[in-house]
C-alpha atoms as a PDB file:
ATOM      1  CA  MET A   1     -15.036 -10.449  23.772  1.00  0.00           C
ATOM      2  CA  VAL A   2     -16.050  -7.309  21.920  1.00  0.00           C
ATOM      3  CA  ASP A   3     -13.215  -4.906  21.480  1.00  0.00           C
ATOM      4  CA  LYS A   4     -14.656  -1.472  22.349  1.00  0.00           C
ATOM      5  CA  ASN A   5     -11.767   0.231  20.628  1.00  0.00           C
ATOM      6  CA  VAL A   6     -12.218  -1.582  17.369  1.00  0.00           C
ATOM      7  CA  GLU A   7     -16.036  -1.043  17.725  1.00  0.00           C
ATOM      8  CA  TYR A   8     -15.539   2.642  18.102  1.00  0.00           C
ATOM      9  CA  TYR A   9     -13.474   2.985  14.842  1.00  0.00           C
ATOM     10  CA  ASN A  10     -15.911   0.927  13.005  1.00  0.00           C
ATOM     11  CA  GLU A  11     -18.854   2.987  14.162  1.00  0.00           C
ATOM     12  CA  ASN A  12     -17.054   6.326  13.715  1.00  0.00           C
ATOM     13  CA  ALA A  13     -14.927   5.563  10.597  1.00  0.00           C
ATOM     14  CA  ASP A  14     -16.142   8.454   8.481  1.00  0.00           C
ATOM     15  CA  SER A  15     -15.560  11.022  11.138  1.00  0.00           C
ATOM     16  CA  PHE A  16     -12.190   9.626  12.202  1.00  0.00           C
ATOM     17  CA  PHE A  17     -11.027   9.291   8.633  1.00  0.00           C
ATOM     18  CA  ALA A  18     -12.028  12.911   7.918  1.00  0.00           C
ATOM     19  CA  GLY A  19     -10.415  14.166  11.121  1.00  0.00           C
ATOM     20  CA  SER A  20      -7.131  12.428  10.838  1.00  0.00           C
ATOM     21  CA  VAL A  21      -6.330  12.007   7.018  1.00  0.00           C
ATOM     22  CA  ASN A  22      -4.990  15.625   6.691  1.00  0.00           C
ATOM     23  CA  ALA A  23      -3.205  15.970  10.080  1.00  0.00           C
ATOM     24  CA  ASP A  24       0.350  17.150   9.350  1.00  0.00           C
ATOM     25  CA  MET A  25       2.707  14.410  10.619  1.00  0.00           C
ATOM     26  CA  SER A  26       5.486  15.476   8.272  1.00  0.00           C
ATOM     27  CA  TYR A  27       7.828  16.509  11.078  1.00  0.00           C
ATOM     28  CA  GLU A  28       7.901  13.003  12.601  1.00  0.00           C
ATOM     29  CA  ARG A  29       7.635  11.246   9.272  1.00  0.00           C
ATOM     30  CA  ASP A  30      10.726  13.080   7.871  1.00  0.00           C
ATOM     31  CA  ARG A  31      12.787  12.268  10.887  1.00  0.00           C
ATOM     32  CA  PHE A  32      11.834   8.627  10.532  1.00  0.00           C
ATOM     33  CA  ILE A  33      12.427   8.547   6.744  1.00  0.00           C
ATOM     34  CA  ALA A  34      15.873  10.089   7.233  1.00  0.00           C
ATOM     35  CA  LEU A  35      16.838   6.851   9.112  1.00  0.00           C
ATOM     36  CA  LEU A  36      15.578   4.476   6.461  1.00  0.00           C
ATOM     37  CA  PRO A  37      17.332   3.167   3.296  1.00  0.00           C
ATOM     38  CA  GLU A  38      15.880   4.486   0.051  1.00  0.00           C
ATOM     39  CA  GLN A  39      12.928   2.330  -1.250  1.00  0.00           C
ATOM     40  CA  GLY A  40      13.007   0.433   1.986  1.00  0.00           C
ATOM     41  CA  ARG A  41      10.162  -1.658   3.398  1.00  0.00           C
ATOM     42  CA  VAL A  42       7.809   0.066   5.980  1.00  0.00           C
ATOM     43  CA  LEU A  43       5.097  -1.613   8.125  1.00  0.00           C
ATOM     44  CA  ASP A  44       2.348   0.826   8.974  1.00  0.00           C
ATOM     45  CA  ALA A  45       0.964  -0.863  12.135  1.00  0.00           C
ATOM     46  CA  GLY A  46      -2.592   0.284  12.810  1.00  0.00           C
ATOM     47  CA  CYS A  47      -2.674   2.554   9.776  1.00  0.00           C
ATOM     48  CA  GLY A  48      -6.107   4.111  10.464  1.00  0.00           C
ATOM     49  CA  SER A  49      -7.003   6.490   7.596  1.00  0.00           C
ATOM     50  CA  GLY A  50      -3.835   5.405   5.554  1.00  0.00           C
ATOM     51  CA  ARG A  51      -2.491   8.993   5.626  1.00  0.00           C
ATOM     52  CA  ASP A  52       1.049   7.945   6.545  1.00  0.00           C
ATOM     53  CA  SER A  53       1.080   4.908   4.204  1.00  0.00           C
ATOM     54  CA  LYS A  54       0.237   7.211   1.400  1.00  0.00           C
ATOM     55  CA  ALA A  55       3.093   9.602   2.276  1.00  0.00           C
ATOM     56  CA  PHE A  56       5.526   6.677   2.370  1.00  0.00           C
ATOM     57  CA  LEU A  57       4.379   5.184  -0.826  1.00  0.00           C
ATOM     58  CA  GLU A  58       4.718   8.621  -2.508  1.00  0.00           C
ATOM     59  CA  ALA A  59       8.261   8.829  -1.082  1.00  0.00           C
ATOM     60  CA  GLY A  60       9.101   5.494  -2.840  1.00  0.00           C
ATOM     61  CA  PHE A  61       8.817   3.036   0.035  1.00  0.00           C
ATOM     62  CA  ASP A  62       7.245  -0.430  -0.169  1.00  0.00           C
ATOM     63  CA  VAL A  63       4.474  -0.261   2.385  1.00  0.00           C
ATOM     64  CA  THR A  64       2.520  -2.984   4.110  1.00  0.00           C
ATOM     65  CA  ALA A  65      -0.331  -1.619   6.149  1.00  0.00           C
ATOM     66  CA  PHE A  66      -2.777  -3.248   8.583  1.00  0.00           C
ATOM     67  CA  ASP A  67      -5.573  -2.191  10.815  1.00  0.00           C
ATOM     68  CA  ALA A  68      -8.036  -4.084  13.217  1.00  0.00           C
ATOM     69  CA  SER A  69     -11.096  -2.012  12.147  1.00  0.00           C
ATOM     70  CA  GLY A  70     -12.874  -3.315   9.026  1.00  0.00           C
ATOM     71  CA  GLU A  71     -14.400   0.075   8.298  1.00  0.00           C
ATOM     72  CA  MET A  72     -11.064   1.897   8.535  1.00  0.00           C
ATOM     73  CA  ARG A  73      -9.396  -0.799   6.360  1.00  0.00           C
ATOM     74  CA  LYS A  74     -12.065  -0.180   3.693  1.00  0.00           C
ATOM     75  CA  ARG A  75     -11.443   3.562   3.626  1.00  0.00           C
ATOM     76  CA  ALA A  76      -7.723   3.275   3.909  1.00  0.00           C
ATOM     77  CA  SER A  77      -7.542   0.649   1.089  1.00  0.00           C
ATOM     78  CA  GLU A  78      -9.534   2.839  -1.286  1.00  0.00           C
ATOM     79  CA  TYR A  79      -7.364   5.919  -0.355  1.00  0.00           C
ATOM     80  CA  LEU A  80      -4.092   4.037  -0.890  1.00  0.00           C
ATOM     81  CA  GLY A  81      -5.125   2.004  -3.853  1.00  0.00           C
ATOM     82  CA  GLN A  82      -3.707  -1.100  -2.187  1.00  0.00           C
ATOM     83  CA  GLU A  83      -5.004  -3.655   0.264  1.00  0.00           C
ATOM     84  CA  VAL A  84      -4.870  -3.002   3.926  1.00  0.00           C
ATOM     85  CA  LEU A  85      -4.240  -6.245   5.922  1.00  0.00           C
ATOM     86  CA  ASP A  86      -6.860  -7.345   8.529  1.00  0.00           C
ATOM     87  CA  MET A  87      -4.612  -7.738  11.495  1.00  0.00           C
ATOM     88  CA  ARG A  88      -4.233  -6.989  15.109  1.00  0.00           C
ATOM     89  CA  PHE A  89      -0.934  -6.301  17.031  1.00  0.00           C
ATOM     90  CA  GLU A  90      -1.191  -9.814  18.605  1.00  0.00           C
ATOM     91  CA  ASP A  91      -1.277 -11.503  15.106  1.00  0.00           C
ATOM     92  CA  ILE A  92       1.986  -9.948  14.021  1.00  0.00           C
ATOM     93  CA  ASP A  93       4.317 -12.672  12.794  1.00  0.00           C
ATOM     94  CA  PHE A  94       6.942 -11.017  10.615  1.00  0.00           C
ATOM     95  CA  HIS A  95      10.560 -11.858  10.810  1.00  0.00           C
ATOM     96  CA  ASN A  96      13.458  -9.625   9.578  1.00  0.00           C
ATOM     97  CA  GLU A  97      11.235  -8.053   6.949  1.00  0.00           C
ATOM     98  CA  PHE A  98      11.009  -4.415   7.450  1.00  0.00           C
ATOM     99  CA  ASP A  99      13.355  -1.452   7.488  1.00  0.00           C
ATOM    100  CA  GLY A 100      10.926   0.544   9.533  1.00  0.00           C
ATOM    101  CA  VAL A 101       7.802   0.147  11.589  1.00  0.00           C
ATOM    102  CA  TRP A 102       5.494   3.150  11.894  1.00  0.00           C
ATOM    103  CA  ALA A 103       2.944   2.928  14.817  1.00  0.00           C
ATOM    104  CA  CYS A 104       1.345   6.341  14.945  1.00  0.00           C
ATOM    105  CA  ALA A 105      -1.294   6.576  17.637  1.00  0.00           C
ATOM    106  CA  SER A 106      -1.896   2.896  17.366  1.00  0.00           C
ATOM    107  CA  LEU A 107       0.127   1.038  20.054  1.00  0.00           C
ATOM    108  CA  LEU A 108      -1.719   3.151  22.605  1.00  0.00           C
ATOM    109  CA  HIS A 109      -4.704   0.798  22.305  1.00  0.00           C
ATOM    110  CA  VAL A 110      -2.631  -2.276  23.301  1.00  0.00           C
ATOM    111  CA  PRO A 111      -3.210  -3.080  26.922  1.00  0.00           C
ATOM    112  CA  VAL A 112      -0.141  -2.179  29.119  1.00  0.00           C
ATOM    113  CA  ASP A 113       0.416  -5.726  30.131  1.00  0.00           C
ATOM    114  CA  GLN A 114       0.504  -6.872  26.502  1.00  0.00           C
ATOM    115  CA  LEU A 115       2.807  -4.079  25.302  1.00  0.00           C
ATOM    116  CA  PRO A 116       6.195  -5.575  26.217  1.00  0.00           C
ATOM    117  CA  GLU A 117       5.443  -8.720  24.098  1.00  0.00           C
ATOM    118  CA  THR A 118       4.021  -6.634  21.249  1.00  0.00           C
ATOM    119  CA  MET A 119       7.224  -4.505  21.217  1.00  0.00           C
ATOM    120  CA  LYS A 120       9.314  -7.600  20.957  1.00  0.00           C
ATOM    121  CA  LYS A 121       7.254  -8.803  18.055  1.00  0.00           C
ATOM    122  CA  LEU A 122       7.820  -5.465  16.297  1.00  0.00           C
ATOM    123  CA  ASN A 123      11.534  -5.754  16.995  1.00  0.00           C
ATOM    124  CA  VAL A 124      11.601  -9.235  15.463  1.00  0.00           C
ATOM    125  CA  SER A 125       9.705  -7.965  12.347  1.00  0.00           C
ATOM    126  CA  LEU A 126      12.600  -5.520  11.658  1.00  0.00           C
ATOM    127  CA  LYS A 127      15.814  -6.059   9.792  1.00  0.00           C
ATOM    128  CA  SER A 128      19.110  -5.435  11.599  1.00  0.00           C
ATOM    129  CA  CYS A 129      19.271  -1.797  12.564  1.00  0.00           C
ATOM    130  CA  GLY A 130      15.703  -1.152  11.567  1.00  0.00           C
ATOM    131  CA  VAL A 131      13.790   1.752  13.146  1.00  0.00           C
ATOM    132  CA  ILE A 132      10.424   2.116  14.840  1.00  0.00           C
ATOM    133  CA  TYR A 133       8.341   5.222  15.475  1.00  0.00           C
ATOM    134  CA  ALA A 134       5.455   5.147  18.009  1.00  0.00           C
ATOM    135  CA  SER A 135       3.361   7.877  19.621  1.00  0.00           C
ATOM    136  CA  PHE A 136       1.239   7.706  22.832  1.00  0.00           C
ATOM    137  CA  LYS A 137      -0.944  10.083  24.634  1.00  0.00           C
ATOM    138  CA  TYR A 138       1.006  11.864  27.343  1.00  0.00           C
ATOM    139  CA  GLY A 139       0.165  10.496  30.738  1.00  0.00           C
ATOM    140  CA  ASP A 140       0.716   7.470  32.955  1.00  0.00           C
ATOM    141  CA  GLY A 141      -1.000   4.091  32.921  1.00  0.00           C
ATOM    142  CA  THR A 142      -4.384   2.942  31.512  1.00  0.00           C
ATOM    143  CA  LYS A 143      -7.064   5.672  30.882  1.00  0.00           C
ATOM    144  CA  MET A 144     -10.553   5.433  29.522  1.00  0.00           C
ATOM    145  CA  ARG A 145     -11.574   8.240  27.139  1.00  0.00           C
ATOM    146  CA  GLY A 146     -15.194   7.631  26.290  1.00  0.00           C
ATOM    147  CA  ASP A 147     -15.595   3.991  25.165  1.00  0.00           C
ATOM    148  CA  ARG A 148     -11.806   3.686  24.307  1.00  0.00           C
ATOM    149  CA  ARG A 149      -9.068   2.425  26.430  1.00  0.00           C
ATOM    150  CA  PHE A 150      -5.564   3.974  26.094  1.00  0.00           C
ATOM    151  CA  SER A 151      -2.143   3.039  27.546  1.00  0.00           C
ATOM    152  CA  ASP A 152      -0.531   6.385  28.273  1.00  0.00           C
ATOM    153  CA  PHE A 153       3.193   7.101  28.547  1.00  0.00           C
ATOM    154  CA  ASN A 154       5.491   9.994  29.190  1.00  0.00           C
ATOM    155  CA  GLU A 155       9.123  10.654  28.158  1.00  0.00           C
ATOM    156  CA  LYS A 156      10.493   8.687  31.109  1.00  0.00           C
ATOM    157  CA  SER A 157       8.177   5.725  31.261  1.00  0.00           C
ATOM    158  CA  ILE A 158       8.492   5.228  27.487  1.00  0.00           C
ATOM    159  CA  VAL A 159      12.224   4.485  27.788  1.00  0.00           C
ATOM    160  CA  PRO A 160      12.088   1.001  29.405  1.00  0.00           C
ATOM    161  CA  LEU A 161       9.136   0.050  27.133  1.00  0.00           C
ATOM    162  CA  PHE A 162      11.599   0.446  24.076  1.00  0.00           C
ATOM    163  CA  GLU A 163      14.883  -0.691  25.787  1.00  0.00           C
ATOM    164  CA  ASP A 164      13.394  -3.905  27.326  1.00  0.00           C
ATOM    165  CA  ALA A 165      12.280  -4.920  23.811  1.00  0.00           C
ATOM    166  CA  GLY A 166      15.777  -4.436  22.276  1.00  0.00           C
ATOM    167  CA  PHE A 167      15.516  -0.926  21.026  1.00  0.00           C
ATOM    168  CA  GLU A 168      17.797   2.049  21.587  1.00  0.00           C
ATOM    169  CA  ILE A 169      15.899   5.363  21.530  1.00  0.00           C
ATOM    170  CA  VAL A 170      17.106   7.893  18.980  1.00  0.00           C
ATOM    171  CA  TYR A 171      14.330  10.630  19.528  1.00  0.00           C
ATOM    172  CA  ASN A 172      12.080  10.977  22.520  1.00  0.00           C
ATOM    173  CA  GLU A 173       9.970  14.170  22.530  1.00  0.00           C
ATOM    174  CA  VAL A 174       6.765  15.564  23.913  1.00  0.00           C
ATOM    175  CA  GLY A 175       4.718  17.547  21.456  1.00  0.00           C
ATOM    176  CA  THR A 176       1.146  18.687  20.839  1.00  0.00           C
ATOM    177  CA  ASP A 177      -1.689  17.199  18.763  1.00  0.00           C
ATOM    178  CA  ASN A 178      -1.443  18.117  15.012  1.00  0.00           C
ATOM    179  CA  ARG A 179      -5.232  18.094  14.494  1.00  0.00           C
ATOM    180  CA  PRO A 180      -7.113  21.435  14.389  1.00  0.00           C
ATOM    181  CA  GLY A 181      -8.783  22.162  17.690  1.00  0.00           C
ATOM    182  CA  ARG A 182      -6.754  19.549  19.504  1.00  0.00           C
ATOM    183  CA  GLU A 183      -3.636  21.607  20.171  1.00  0.00           C
ATOM    184  CA  ALA A 184      -3.965  21.302  23.899  1.00  0.00           C
ATOM    185  CA  GLU A 185      -3.655  17.549  23.901  1.00  0.00           C
ATOM    186  CA  MET A 186      -0.025  16.288  24.509  1.00  0.00           C
ATOM    187  CA  TRP A 187       1.687  13.241  23.008  1.00  0.00           C
ATOM    188  CA  VAL A 188       5.055  11.591  23.539  1.00  0.00           C
ATOM    189  CA  ASN A 189       6.743  10.575  20.195  1.00  0.00           C
ATOM    190  CA  ALA A 190       9.670   8.193  20.124  1.00  0.00           C
ATOM    191  CA  ILE A 191      11.847   6.872  17.319  1.00  0.00           C
ATOM    192  CA  ALA A 192      14.221   3.947  18.238  1.00  0.00           C
ATOM    193  CA  ARG A 193      16.583   1.619  16.444  1.00  0.00           C
ATOM    194  CA  LYS A 194      16.784  -2.163  16.789  1.00  0.00           C
ATOM    195  CA  ASN A 195      19.943  -2.907  18.652  1.00  0.00           C
ATOM    196  CA  GLY A 196      20.370  -6.625  18.035  1.00  0.00           C
ATOM    197  CA  ILE A 197      19.678  -8.081  21.519  1.00  0.00           C
ATOM    198  CA  TYR A 198      16.704 -10.208  20.277  1.00  0.00           C
END
């Protein structure tokens, strides 16, 4: 089956890279980094342009990045100066390896019915008391935007998604899009800590 989401990023890699690589995610990144040990290991899950991986590398972290789009991987690998893994969320098979998982605008492409299992896999990939950041477009349920499918959440519906997978939410905020001209778009941003249930 052709994945329309991956196809979209392959076909629009240059414009997506250009439109996202300079978006200012420092507010969310700084809050996430504050919860990590120095020089810890970070998994950038669905890294897109590699923007946040680069910031984590520059802050002294050991970064593993993956993306499902071959064209985005090419651009991100070049931007980072290190390989970006060819992986999808369903391929995740890490165990107790990372201090943090960063999933910025990436989990939102996982179908709603697959998200609970994906969140548990991300929990397992984290060390004890590891933290995860994830952002979703603000809304409710599955939405098609052009050719892409999104799983939307709000500040209430996101809570069981995390808690049922063994996380305790630390931050849960609604904010606007950081890209120029997109300020009217709303997002829900959550940071949670692994609580040891799984």
